[in-house]
Amino acid sequence: MVRTLLFDLDGTLLHVDMNLFLKQYFKALTAALTPYIPPQTFMTKLWESTEAMIHDTNPDKTNQEVFMENFFNDPIYRKEEIFPVFNKFYREEYRHLEGYTRKKPEAFPLLQLAVGLGYELVIATNPLFPATAINQRLAWAGIDSLPYSLITSYEIMHFCKPKLQYYREVLDRIGRRPGECIMIGNDVGDDMVAGQLGMATYLVDDLLVNNRQSPIRVDWQGSLSALGTELVKIRERRLKDEDKTPVRDDRRTDGRGHGPETRRYRP
């Protein structure tokens, strides 16, 4: 029985060309750090520390801790001097990157509909950024006022996409089984991998990303707006099943039909 919807953010709920956005982000962040660290050295350390987060599998260290350990592994660059500059950048400069994104007009009505239907909402974005950066992007998308049970950020998460440990940690945090969730995203490699745990998957295809050219194996594929039709159908089937069956096995997810703008794929 589906109870929880996990939403990717960038490209799914927020319209953004990540290649362009990251280019401008790196440019602005490098400029802020230039008085403290040479630009080329900074970019090398930033990439290496980000890769360390992506590949780390230590459940005892948050992504933030992994990043810090790798970035500040050279005593020449002191954490107490440079880390406050990062924080100031996110407080004062990061907001200027909003111009490289735009709202998806269908995102807020869809999430409102989901809440009205009784679904729990999770923002399952890749936790490579601090919470302040993610919260600002939620505001840019016009969806920051909704009641999320969890927003994954690098301060609290211990794994990154596309590792299955990331999705297991999300499930542990919200107290759900895979069959109670749908993962909704636009990235075949990072988001749809959740299906390997038994989650239902919905591939949003208006800004589809498939960097590894992986085979597409999902439960649904369609537009973000078409998802609303599917959620109503799932809710209706759930209510019918509850009326017919006094005892349910919640380990199984029902209601994976297909709407007029979606395509169902069989495994």
Protein backbone atom coordinates (compact mmCIF):
# COMPACT_ATOMS: atom_id res chain seq x y z
CA MET A 1 0.00 0.00 0.00
CA VAL A 2 1.58 3.28 -1.10
CA ARG A 3 1.81 5.80 1.72
CA THR A 4 4.90 7.89 0.96
CA LEU A 5 6.16 9.77 -2.10
CA LEU A 6 9.89 10.39 -2.45
CA PHE A 7 10.63 13.30 -4.78
CA ASP A 8 13.92 14.20 -6.34
CA LEU A 9 14.31 18.00 -6.51
CA ASP A 10 16.55 19.25 -9.32
CA GLY A 11 15.02 18.58 -12.74
CA THR A 12 11.99 16.97 -11.12
CA LEU A 13 10.30 19.68 -9.04
CA LEU A 14 12.63 22.52 -10.06
CA HIS A 15 13.38 23.30 -13.69
CA VAL A 16 17.16 23.52 -13.92
CA ASP A 17 19.90 22.68 -16.38
CA MET A 18 22.36 21.22 -13.88
CA ASN A 19 25.36 21.58 -16.18
CA LEU A 20 24.77 25.33 -16.51
CA PHE A 21 23.78 25.72 -12.87
CA LEU A 22 26.86 23.93 -11.54
CA LYS A 23 29.13 25.94 -13.84
CA GLN A 24 27.81 29.18 -12.34
CA TYR A 25 27.82 27.73 -8.83
CA PHE A 26 31.49 26.72 -9.07
CA LYS A 27 32.36 30.12 -10.53
CA ALA A 28 30.68 32.01 -7.68
CA LEU A 29 32.02 29.72 -4.94
CA THR A 30 35.55 29.87 -6.34
CA ALA A 31 35.42 33.68 -6.36
CA ALA A 32 34.35 33.69 -2.70
CA LEU A 33 37.24 31.41 -1.69
CA THR A 34 39.97 32.96 -3.87
CA PRO A 35 41.39 35.16 -1.03
CA TYR A 36 42.01 31.99 0.99
CA ILE A 37 42.92 29.30 -1.53
CA PRO A 38 44.17 29.38 -5.16
CA PRO A 39 41.30 28.75 -7.61
CA GLN A 40 42.78 25.65 -9.23
CA THR A 41 43.65 24.14 -5.86
CA PHE A 42 40.17 24.89 -4.62
CA MET A 43 38.44 23.23 -7.58
CA THR A 44 40.64 20.14 -7.27
CA LYS A 45 39.88 19.82 -3.56
CA LEU A 46 36.16 20.48 -4.13
CA TRP A 47 35.89 17.74 -6.77
CA GLU A 48 37.92 15.27 -4.74
CA SER A 49 35.88 15.92 -1.60
CA THR A 50 32.60 15.62 -3.50
CA GLU A 51 33.72 12.33 -5.03
CA ALA A 52 34.67 11.14 -1.56
CA MET A 53 31.10 11.77 -0.38
CA ILE A 54 29.61 9.95 -3.36
CA HIS A 55 31.77 6.85 -2.90
CA ASP A 56 31.92 6.70 0.90
CA THR A 57 30.17 3.76 2.56
CA ASN A 58 30.98 4.44 6.23
CA PRO A 59 27.66 4.54 8.12
CA ASP A 60 29.29 6.31 11.05
CA LYS A 61 30.18 9.49 9.13
CA THR A 62 27.77 11.99 7.66
CA ASN A 63 28.41 13.27 4.16
CA GLN A 64 29.40 16.59 5.68
CA GLU A 65 32.01 14.91 7.88
CA VAL A 66 33.43 13.04 4.88
CA PHE A 67 33.60 16.26 2.87
CA MET A 68 35.33 18.17 5.65
CA GLU A 69 37.88 15.45 6.34
CA ASN A 70 38.87 15.35 2.69
CA PHE A 71 38.78 19.08 1.98
CA PHE A 72 40.78 20.04 5.07
CA ASN A 73 43.34 17.22 4.93
CA ASP A 74 46.12 19.74 4.26
CA PRO A 75 47.07 21.78 7.37
CA ILE A 76 47.91 24.75 5.11
CA TYR A 77 44.17 25.37 4.69
CA ARG A 78 42.62 25.80 8.11
CA LYS A 79 38.99 24.80 8.66
CA GLU A 80 38.37 27.53 11.22
CA GLU A 81 39.34 30.15 8.64
CA ILE A 82 37.77 28.75 5.47
CA PHE A 83 34.59 26.99 6.63
CA PRO A 84 32.93 30.26 7.76
CA VAL A 85 33.46 31.53 4.20
CA PHE A 86 31.45 28.59 2.88
CA ASN A 87 28.66 29.42 5.33
CA LYS A 88 28.69 33.10 4.37
CA PHE A 89 28.50 32.14 0.68
CA TYR A 90 25.36 30.09 1.23
CA ARG A 91 23.82 32.85 3.36
CA GLU A 92 24.59 35.78 1.06
CA GLU A 93 25.65 34.67 -2.42
CA TYR A 94 23.95 31.38 -3.23
CA ARG A 95 20.56 33.06 -3.70
CA HIS A 96 21.87 34.86 -6.78
CA LEU A 97 21.92 31.51 -8.61
CA GLU A 98 18.12 31.42 -8.64
CA GLY A 99 18.24 33.10 -12.07
CA TYR A 100 19.59 29.86 -13.54
CA THR A 101 16.45 27.98 -12.45
CA ARG A 102 12.72 28.44 -12.87
CA LYS A 103 9.57 27.13 -11.28
CA LYS A 104 7.63 24.21 -12.68
CA PRO A 105 4.07 25.54 -12.47
CA GLU A 106 2.67 22.05 -12.00
CA ALA A 107 4.89 21.20 -9.00
CA PHE A 108 3.05 22.98 -6.18
CA PRO A 109 -0.48 21.89 -7.25
CA LEU A 110 0.75 18.31 -7.57
CA LEU A 111 2.27 18.29 -4.09
CA GLN A 112 -0.85 19.93 -2.66
CA LEU A 113 -2.95 17.22 -4.28
CA ALA A 114 -0.69 14.53 -2.82
CA VAL A 115 -1.04 15.97 0.68
CA GLY A 116 -4.80 16.19 0.26
CA LEU A 117 -4.89 12.53 -0.75
CA GLY A 118 -3.07 11.63 2.46
CA TYR A 119 0.41 10.89 1.10
CA GLU A 120 3.54 11.57 3.14
CA LEU A 121 6.11 13.69 1.27
CA VAL A 122 9.90 13.32 1.26
CA ILE A 123 12.43 15.43 -0.63
CA ALA A 124 14.94 12.77 -1.67
CA THR A 125 17.54 14.99 -3.30
CA ASN A 126 21.14 13.86 -3.58
CA PRO A 127 22.62 15.03 -0.23
CA LEU A 128 25.74 16.72 -1.56
CA PHE A 129 24.67 20.19 -0.38
CA PRO A 130 23.99 21.74 3.02
CA ALA A 131 20.38 22.14 4.13
CA THR A 132 20.43 25.89 3.55
CA ALA A 133 21.19 25.39 -0.16
CA ILE A 134 18.45 22.76 -0.55
CA ASN A 135 15.90 24.89 1.31
CA GLN A 136 16.67 27.82 -0.96
CA ARG A 137 16.11 25.66 -4.05
CA LEU A 138 12.79 24.51 -2.58
CA ALA A 139 11.86 28.19 -2.25
CA TRP A 140 12.92 28.87 -5.85
CA ALA A 141 10.62 26.03 -6.89
CA GLY A 142 7.79 27.59 -4.86
CA ILE A 143 7.31 24.45 -2.78
CA ASP A 144 9.03 25.30 0.51
CA SER A 145 5.80 25.64 2.52
CA LEU A 146 4.69 22.02 2.28
CA PRO A 147 4.87 19.48 5.16
CA TYR A 148 7.84 17.25 4.33
CA SER A 149 8.67 14.37 6.64
CA LEU A 150 12.30 14.43 5.53
CA ILE A 151 14.59 16.59 3.38
CA THR A 152 17.88 14.83 2.75
CA SER A 153 20.96 17.05 3.16
CA TYR A 154 24.64 16.42 3.70
CA GLU A 155 24.44 17.25 7.41
CA ILE A 156 22.18 14.29 8.24
CA MET A 157 22.72 11.67 5.53
CA HIS A 158 25.53 9.10 5.41
CA PHE A 159 25.26 7.98 1.78
CA CYS A 160 24.61 9.50 -1.65
CA LYS A 161 22.75 8.52 -4.78
CA PRO A 162 22.91 6.17 -6.59
CA LYS A 163 23.92 3.90 -3.70
CA LEU A 164 21.12 1.71 -2.39
CA GLN A 165 22.33 2.54 1.13
CA TYR A 166 21.01 6.07 0.54
CA TYR A 167 17.49 4.77 -0.09
CA ARG A 168 17.70 2.33 2.83
CA GLU A 169 18.67 5.21 5.10
CA VAL A 170 15.69 7.25 3.87
CA LEU A 171 13.39 4.30 4.59
CA ASP A 172 14.88 3.85 8.06
CA ARG A 173 14.42 7.54 8.86
CA ILE A 174 10.75 7.62 7.85
CA GLY A 175 9.91 4.14 9.12
CA ARG A 176 8.61 2.80 5.83
CA ARG A 177 9.04 -0.39 3.82
CA PRO A 178 9.97 -0.19 0.11
CA GLY A 179 6.50 -1.33 -0.97
CA GLU A 180 4.96 1.66 0.80
CA CYS A 181 6.87 4.19 -1.32
CA ILE A 182 7.15 5.59 -4.83
CA MET A 183 10.43 7.20 -5.92
CA ILE A 184 9.77 10.04 -8.36
CA GLY A 185 12.64 11.57 -10.30
CA ASN A 186 14.08 12.48 -13.68
CA ASP A 187 17.43 10.68 -13.44
CA VAL A 188 17.47 7.06 -14.61
CA GLY A 189 20.73 6.19 -12.86
CA ASP A 190 20.35 8.11 -9.60
CA ASP A 191 16.61 7.90 -8.95
CA MET A 192 15.18 4.81 -10.63
CA VAL A 193 17.73 2.57 -8.91
CA ALA A 194 15.36 2.68 -5.92
CA GLY A 195 13.32 0.06 -7.76
CA GLN A 196 16.00 -2.50 -6.89
CA LEU A 197 14.84 -2.30 -3.27
CA GLY A 198 11.22 -2.90 -4.20
CA MET A 199 10.02 0.69 -4.40
CA ALA A 200 7.69 1.67 -7.20
CA THR A 201 9.32 4.18 -9.56
CA TYR A 202 7.98 7.07 -11.64
CA LEU A 203 10.36 8.56 -14.23
CA VAL A 204 9.62 12.22 -14.95
CA ASP A 205 10.66 12.59 -18.57
CA ASP A 206 10.43 16.29 -19.42
CA LEU A 207 14.04 16.82 -18.23
CA LEU A 208 15.12 13.19 -18.40
CA VAL A 209 18.74 12.40 -17.50
CA ASN A 210 20.37 9.10 -18.44
CA ASN A 211 24.09 9.77 -18.37
CA ARG A 212 25.00 6.08 -18.31
CA GLN A 213 22.54 5.20 -21.11
CA SER A 214 21.04 2.59 -18.82
CA PRO A 215 18.02 0.52 -19.86
CA ILE A 216 14.82 2.15 -18.62
CA ARG A 217 13.06 -0.17 -16.18
CA VAL A 218 10.40 1.73 -14.28
CA ASP A 219 6.79 1.35 -13.20
CA TRP A 220 5.65 4.55 -14.87
CA GLN A 221 7.13 7.15 -17.18
CA GLY A 222 5.45 10.46 -17.94
CA SER A 223 5.13 14.13 -17.14
CA LEU A 224 5.07 15.55 -13.64
CA SER A 225 1.50 16.76 -14.11
CA ALA A 226 0.34 13.29 -15.24
CA LEU A 227 1.54 11.87 -11.93
CA GLY A 228 -1.48 13.44 -10.25
CA THR A 229 -3.79 11.15 -12.23
CA GLU A 230 -1.86 8.11 -11.04
CA LEU A 231 -1.95 9.21 -7.42
CA VAL A 232 -5.72 9.58 -7.52
CA LYS A 233 -6.02 6.09 -9.04
CA ILE A 234 -3.78 4.58 -6.38
CA ARG A 235 -5.80 6.27 -3.65
CA GLU A 236 -9.09 5.04 -5.14
CA ARG A 237 -7.82 1.47 -5.37
CA ARG A 238 -6.52 1.64 -1.84
CA LEU A 239 -9.93 2.73 -0.55
CA LYS A 240 -11.67 -0.03 -2.50
CA ASP A 241 -9.27 -2.63 -1.16
CA GLU A 242 -9.77 -1.38 2.39
CA ASP A 243 -13.54 -1.74 1.95
CA LYS A 244 -13.24 -5.26 0.56
CA THR A 245 -10.44 -6.67 2.70
CA PRO A 246 -10.49 -6.41 6.52
CA VAL A 247 -6.84 -7.52 6.82
CA ARG A 248 -4.18 -6.33 4.37
CA ASP A 249 -0.62 -7.35 3.67
CA ASP A 250 1.10 -3.95 3.51
CA ARG A 251 4.29 -5.48 2.19
CA ARG A 252 2.85 -5.27 -1.31
CA THR A 253 2.26 -2.08 -3.27
CA ASP A 254 -0.95 -1.90 -5.28
CA GLY A 255 -2.37 0.54 -7.80
CA ARG A 256 0.31 0.80 -10.46
CA GLY A 257 -2.02 1.60 -13.35
CA HIS A 258 -1.23 3.96 -16.18
CA GLY A 259 -2.77 7.30 -17.11
CA PRO A 260 -3.27 9.03 -20.44
CA GLU A 261 0.17 10.64 -20.40
CA THR A 262 2.17 7.82 -18.84
CA ARG A 263 3.69 4.59 -20.05
CA ARG A 264 3.91 1.48 -17.87
CA TYR A 265 7.01 -0.69 -18.22
CA ARG A 266 7.22 -4.29 -17.15
CA PRO A 267 10.45 -5.45 -15.49
